[in-house]
Amino acid sequence: MSGKQGEGLVAAPASVVAMDNTLYWLGGNANGQGIVFKAQGYTPARISNHAMEAEIAGYSDISDALAFCFQMEGHSFYVLTFPTADKTWVFDASTGQWFRWSWRDPATNTDRRFRANCHMFFGGAHLVGDFQTGEVYELLMDTYTDDTDPIVFMRRSQTISNEEELVFFEQMIVDMETGVGAVGTNPQLMLRYSNDGGHTWSQVKTKGIGAAGEYGRRVKFGPTGAGRYRVWEISITDAVKRAVFGAYVNMTKGE
C-alpha cells in the first residue's frame, strides 16, 4: 500500500495483516522507515508512537518482521515480532497502547521474543504455533505459564520528577487484586526503583499478595528513600492471576 508521496510503504511484507476490517503493517515513507500504520480508507494512519519508533530504529534489520492478529475479550491485538532483534511488540487497537510480549528463556534468564509465530482461531480456541519447536498451543487468559516456563508480568512507570528538586517517597501502594494464590501460599509482588531515570536499580523488595480468600490484603511499600528522577517497576513471576489497576505514591518535596 502506498499513500501520498510514498507514505506508508511496506517495509516488511510478512507484517501486513487484516484486522477489524482494515490493514496493519510495518512501513515508512519517503524519508525513512520503522513506522507502524493502519489503513483508514485509502490513507495510511500512523499508530506507532515516538518511543516505539525509537526502539525499532535500534534494530539492525526489520525487513524480516512478521505479524498476526487476534481478538480476545473485546480487545483486538496486532502482534509484531522482529526475529533478528528477538523482540515482540503488541498494539491493543481498543486502547491504542503498545506493550512488549516476551518469553523468559529459563536457560539464560533473559527475555526474548514471544514464542508464537502464527495464529489461528479454530473450534472456539486461539491456537498459536511455536517458532522453535513447531508445537501448537492454546492462548488462555487464565494460564500463567508458557508450556511450564514462568511468564513474567512487569509494569514500569514514567520518570517522576519535580523541577529537579529532591522528592522523598514515603509510601508506594499498588492497587491490585489480592487473594489470588493457592491455599497455604503467599505469591509475591516484587518492586524495584531507579533514581536516575532507569539506568541503575535498587535491590528488589517483595510483598505478599495473599492466598485464596485474602481479598482484603493491601500491597504497600515504604518508605523508599528519595530521588530526583524516580522510576518504579513492579513484577510477578508466580503463576497466579495478575490484575493491577494502578499505583499511588505518597511523596514530599524536599526543601
Protein backbone atom coordinates (compact mmCIF):
# COMPACT_ATOMS: atom_id res chain seq x y z
CA MET A 1 0.00 0.00 0.00
CA SER A 2 1.22 3.48 -0.75
CA GLY A 3 -0.12 6.90 0.02
CA LYS A 4 0.70 10.47 -0.83
CA GLN A 5 4.39 10.87 -1.74
CA GLY A 6 5.06 7.21 -0.90
CA GLU A 7 3.74 7.43 2.67
CA GLY A 8 3.01 4.04 4.21
CA LEU A 9 5.24 1.89 2.02
CA VAL A 10 5.61 -1.68 3.34
CA ALA A 11 8.99 -2.33 5.00
CA ALA A 12 8.31 -5.97 5.92
CA PRO A 13 5.89 -7.97 3.71
CA ALA A 14 5.10 -10.50 6.46
CA SER A 15 3.97 -7.68 8.77
CA VAL A 16 0.82 -6.99 6.73
CA VAL A 17 -2.34 -8.40 8.37
CA ALA A 18 -6.05 -7.69 8.20
CA MET A 19 -7.82 -6.83 11.46
CA ASP A 20 -11.12 -5.09 12.23
CA ASN A 21 -11.88 -4.61 8.51
CA THR A 22 -8.63 -2.78 7.84
CA LEU A 23 -4.92 -3.45 7.26
CA TYR A 24 -1.99 -3.07 9.65
CA TRP A 25 1.68 -3.12 8.61
CA LEU A 26 5.24 -2.01 9.36
CA GLY A 27 6.30 0.61 6.90
CA GLY A 28 7.76 4.04 6.38
CA ASN A 29 7.55 6.93 3.99
CA ALA A 30 9.72 8.76 1.50
CA ASN A 31 12.02 9.91 4.30
CA GLY A 32 12.59 6.69 6.26
CA GLN A 33 11.07 3.55 7.75
CA GLY A 34 10.19 1.92 11.05
CA ILE A 35 6.68 3.33 11.47
CA VAL A 36 3.60 1.17 12.07
CA PHE A 37 0.47 2.06 10.12
CA LYS A 38 -3.13 1.05 9.73
CA ALA A 39 -5.33 1.90 6.76
CA GLN A 40 -8.10 4.46 7.20
CA GLY A 41 -9.89 4.11 3.91
CA TYR A 42 -7.16 4.65 1.33
CA THR A 43 -4.99 6.69 3.68
CA PRO A 44 -2.24 5.22 5.93
CA ALA A 45 -2.60 6.35 9.56
CA ARG A 46 0.39 6.18 11.93
CA ILE A 47 -0.28 4.11 15.08
CA SER A 48 3.26 3.81 16.46
CA ASN A 49 4.49 6.48 18.85
CA HIS A 50 7.90 8.10 19.17
CA ALA A 51 9.04 5.63 21.84
CA MET A 52 8.16 2.65 19.64
CA GLU A 53 9.83 4.21 16.62
CA ALA A 54 13.00 4.91 18.61
CA GLU A 55 13.01 1.26 19.70
CA ILE A 56 12.57 -0.02 16.14
CA ALA A 57 15.26 2.35 14.87
CA GLY A 58 17.76 0.48 17.03
CA TYR A 59 17.15 -2.86 15.28
CA SER A 60 19.72 -3.92 12.70
CA ASP A 61 17.13 -5.49 10.40
CA ILE A 62 13.36 -5.00 10.29
CA SER A 63 12.69 -6.49 6.85
CA ASP A 64 12.06 -9.92 8.44
CA ALA A 65 9.36 -8.62 10.80
CA LEU A 66 6.20 -10.75 10.89
CA ALA A 67 2.78 -10.28 12.42
CA PHE A 68 -0.52 -11.87 13.28
CA CYS A 69 -3.67 -10.59 14.97
CA PHE A 70 -6.33 -11.93 17.31
CA GLN A 71 -9.32 -10.73 19.29
CA MET A 72 -9.96 -11.64 22.93
CA GLU A 73 -12.42 -10.25 25.49
CA GLY A 74 -13.29 -7.31 23.27
CA HIS A 75 -9.67 -6.32 22.56
CA SER A 76 -8.08 -6.59 19.11
CA PHE A 77 -4.32 -7.19 19.16
CA TYR A 78 -1.74 -6.66 16.41
CA VAL A 79 1.29 -8.80 17.33
CA LEU A 80 4.51 -7.65 15.63
CA THR A 81 7.69 -9.75 16.00
CA PHE A 82 11.23 -8.80 14.96
CA PRO A 83 13.17 -12.11 14.68
CA THR A 84 16.60 -10.51 14.24
CA ALA A 85 16.11 -8.23 17.25
CA ASP A 86 14.43 -11.08 19.20
CA LYS A 87 11.59 -8.77 20.30
CA THR A 88 7.78 -8.90 20.11
CA TRP A 89 5.55 -5.83 20.48
CA VAL A 90 1.76 -5.78 20.64
CA PHE A 91 -0.66 -2.99 19.76
CA ASP A 92 -4.04 -3.05 21.53
CA ALA A 93 -6.37 -1.43 19.00
CA SER A 94 -9.06 -0.99 21.66
CA THR A 95 -6.89 1.20 23.90
CA GLY A 96 -4.28 2.49 21.43
CA GLN A 97 -1.50 1.25 23.74
CA TRP A 98 1.67 -0.75 22.97
CA PHE A 99 3.24 -3.36 25.24
CA ARG A 100 6.06 -5.86 24.98
CA TRP A 101 5.21 -9.57 24.88
CA SER A 102 8.18 -11.72 25.86
CA TRP A 103 9.21 -15.21 26.83
CA ARG A 104 11.63 -15.71 29.73
CA ASP A 105 14.25 -18.17 28.49
CA PRO A 106 14.98 -20.40 31.52
CA ALA A 107 18.40 -21.38 30.14
CA THR A 108 19.70 -17.80 30.10
CA ASN A 109 17.15 -16.00 32.32
CA THR A 110 16.70 -13.39 29.60
CA ASP A 111 13.55 -12.03 27.97
CA ARG A 112 13.23 -12.98 24.32
CA ARG A 113 10.61 -12.68 21.57
CA PHE A 114 7.25 -14.30 22.26
CA ARG A 115 7.22 -17.93 21.18
CA ALA A 116 4.10 -17.66 18.99
CA ASN A 117 4.92 -17.28 15.30
CA CYS A 118 1.42 -17.57 13.86
CA HIS A 119 -2.22 -17.70 14.97
CA MET A 120 -5.48 -19.38 14.02
CA PHE A 121 -8.91 -19.21 15.65
CA PHE A 122 -10.35 -22.71 15.34
CA GLY A 123 -13.06 -24.52 17.24
CA GLY A 124 -13.52 -21.59 19.61
CA ALA A 125 -9.82 -21.63 20.58
CA HIS A 126 -6.90 -19.28 19.86
CA LEU A 127 -4.17 -21.58 18.54
CA VAL A 128 -0.57 -20.43 18.04
CA GLY A 129 2.48 -22.13 16.55
CA ASP A 130 5.83 -22.20 18.36
CA PHE A 131 8.62 -20.68 16.25
CA GLN A 132 11.29 -23.05 17.63
CA THR A 133 9.55 -26.40 18.05
CA GLY A 134 6.57 -26.19 15.70
CA GLU A 135 4.26 -27.23 18.54
CA VAL A 136 0.76 -25.78 18.73
CA TYR A 137 -0.52 -24.15 21.92
CA GLU A 138 -3.76 -22.52 23.00
CA LEU A 139 -3.75 -18.93 24.25
CA LEU A 140 -5.70 -18.72 27.51
CA MET A 141 -6.36 -15.77 29.79
CA ASP A 142 -6.25 -17.87 32.97
CA THR A 143 -2.98 -19.75 32.29
CA TYR A 144 0.18 -18.19 33.70
CA THR A 145 3.00 -20.33 32.25
CA ASP A 146 4.48 -20.80 28.78
CA ASP A 147 4.45 -24.59 28.49
CA THR A 148 5.55 -24.79 32.18
CA ASP A 149 8.07 -21.93 31.79
CA PRO A 150 7.22 -18.92 34.01
CA ILE A 151 5.57 -15.86 32.49
CA VAL A 152 6.97 -12.61 33.88
CA PHE A 153 4.46 -9.80 34.38
CA MET A 154 6.11 -6.37 34.54
CA ARG A 155 4.92 -2.77 34.64
CA ARG A 156 7.22 0.26 34.68
CA SER A 157 6.29 3.88 35.33
CA GLN A 158 7.37 7.03 33.61
CA THR A 159 10.02 9.14 35.33
CA ILE A 160 8.65 11.08 38.32
CA SER A 161 10.37 14.42 38.92
CA ASN A 162 9.60 17.82 40.38
CA GLU A 163 11.66 20.52 38.71
CA GLU A 164 14.91 18.79 39.76
CA GLU A 165 14.01 19.10 43.45
CA LEU A 166 14.68 16.16 45.75
CA VAL A 167 11.49 14.19 46.43
CA PHE A 168 11.01 11.93 49.48
CA PHE A 169 8.89 8.86 48.77
CA GLU A 170 7.07 7.85 51.94
CA GLN A 171 4.84 5.06 50.67
CA MET A 172 4.07 3.16 47.46
CA ILE A 173 0.65 1.46 47.30
CA VAL A 174 -0.20 -0.94 44.46
CA ASP A 175 -3.91 -1.20 43.67
CA MET A 176 -4.40 -4.80 42.54
CA GLU A 177 -6.49 -7.90 43.00
CA THR A 178 -5.21 -9.81 46.02
CA GLY A 179 -6.02 -13.21 47.49
CA VAL A 180 -5.23 -15.00 44.22
CA GLY A 181 -2.73 -17.61 45.44
CA ALA A 182 -3.47 -21.25 46.18
CA VAL A 183 -4.48 -22.16 49.73
CA GLY A 184 -1.47 -22.03 52.01
CA THR A 185 0.66 -19.98 49.60
CA ASN A 186 1.61 -16.31 49.50
CA PRO A 187 2.66 -15.24 45.98
CA GLN A 188 4.91 -12.19 45.85
CA LEU A 189 4.83 -8.83 44.13
CA MET A 190 8.36 -7.53 43.51
CA LEU A 191 9.27 -3.85 43.48
CA ARG A 192 12.46 -2.08 42.49
CA TYR A 193 13.10 1.54 41.64
CA SER A 194 15.63 3.76 39.93
CA ASN A 195 16.70 7.27 40.91
CA ASP A 196 18.47 8.04 37.64
CA GLY A 197 15.71 7.54 35.08
CA GLY A 198 16.13 3.77 34.73
CA HIS A 199 19.91 3.42 34.34
CA THR A 200 20.59 1.74 37.69
CA TRP A 201 18.19 -0.01 40.05
CA SER A 202 17.65 -0.62 43.74
CA GLN A 203 17.56 -4.03 45.35
CA VAL A 204 14.26 -5.87 44.95
CA LYS A 205 11.63 -5.51 47.68
CA THR A 206 8.79 -8.03 47.96
CA LYS A 207 5.29 -8.07 49.42
CA GLY A 208 2.84 -10.95 49.59
CA ILE A 209 -0.39 -10.61 47.63
CA GLY A 210 -2.22 -13.27 49.60
CA ALA A 211 -3.53 -16.79 49.39
CA ALA A 212 -7.02 -17.63 48.14
CA GLY A 213 -9.64 -15.69 50.06
CA GLU A 214 -7.37 -12.94 51.42
CA TYR A 215 -9.20 -10.36 49.36
CA GLY A 216 -8.70 -7.52 51.82
CA ARG A 217 -4.90 -7.66 51.74
CA ARG A 218 -3.22 -4.40 50.71
CA VAL A 219 0.14 -4.19 48.99
CA LYS A 220 2.19 -1.32 50.45
CA PHE A 221 5.89 -0.48 50.34
CA GLY A 222 7.69 2.25 52.20
CA PRO A 223 9.49 4.35 52.86
CA THR A 224 11.65 4.08 49.76
CA GLY A 225 14.12 6.93 50.14
CA ALA A 226 14.44 10.00 47.96
CA GLY A 227 15.39 10.88 44.41
CA ARG A 228 15.03 13.43 41.65
CA TYR A 229 14.25 11.13 38.70
CA ARG A 230 12.35 8.17 40.15
CA VAL A 231 11.15 5.26 38.01
CA TRP A 232 9.09 2.43 39.57
CA GLU A 233 8.94 -1.16 38.39
CA ILE A 234 6.72 -3.96 39.67
CA SER A 235 6.78 -7.60 38.58
CA ILE A 236 5.26 -11.02 39.34
CA THR A 237 6.67 -14.41 38.39
CA ASP A 238 4.32 -16.63 40.42
CA ALA A 239 1.76 -18.50 38.31
CA VAL A 240 -1.24 -16.55 39.61
CA LYS A 241 -3.73 -14.02 38.29
CA ARG A 242 -2.12 -10.61 37.66
CA ALA A 243 -4.72 -7.84 37.83
CA VAL A 244 -3.07 -4.46 38.56
CA PHE A 245 -5.31 -1.41 38.35
CA GLY A 246 -2.91 1.34 39.32
CA ALA A 247 -0.47 2.61 41.93
CA TYR A 248 -0.30 5.55 44.33
CA VAL A 249 2.73 7.27 45.83
CA ASN A 250 2.79 9.43 48.95
CA MET A 251 5.67 11.84 48.49
CA THR A 252 7.02 15.09 49.88
CA LYS A 253 9.04 17.73 48.09
CA GLY A 254 12.37 18.43 49.76
CA GLU A 255 13.50 21.83 50.96
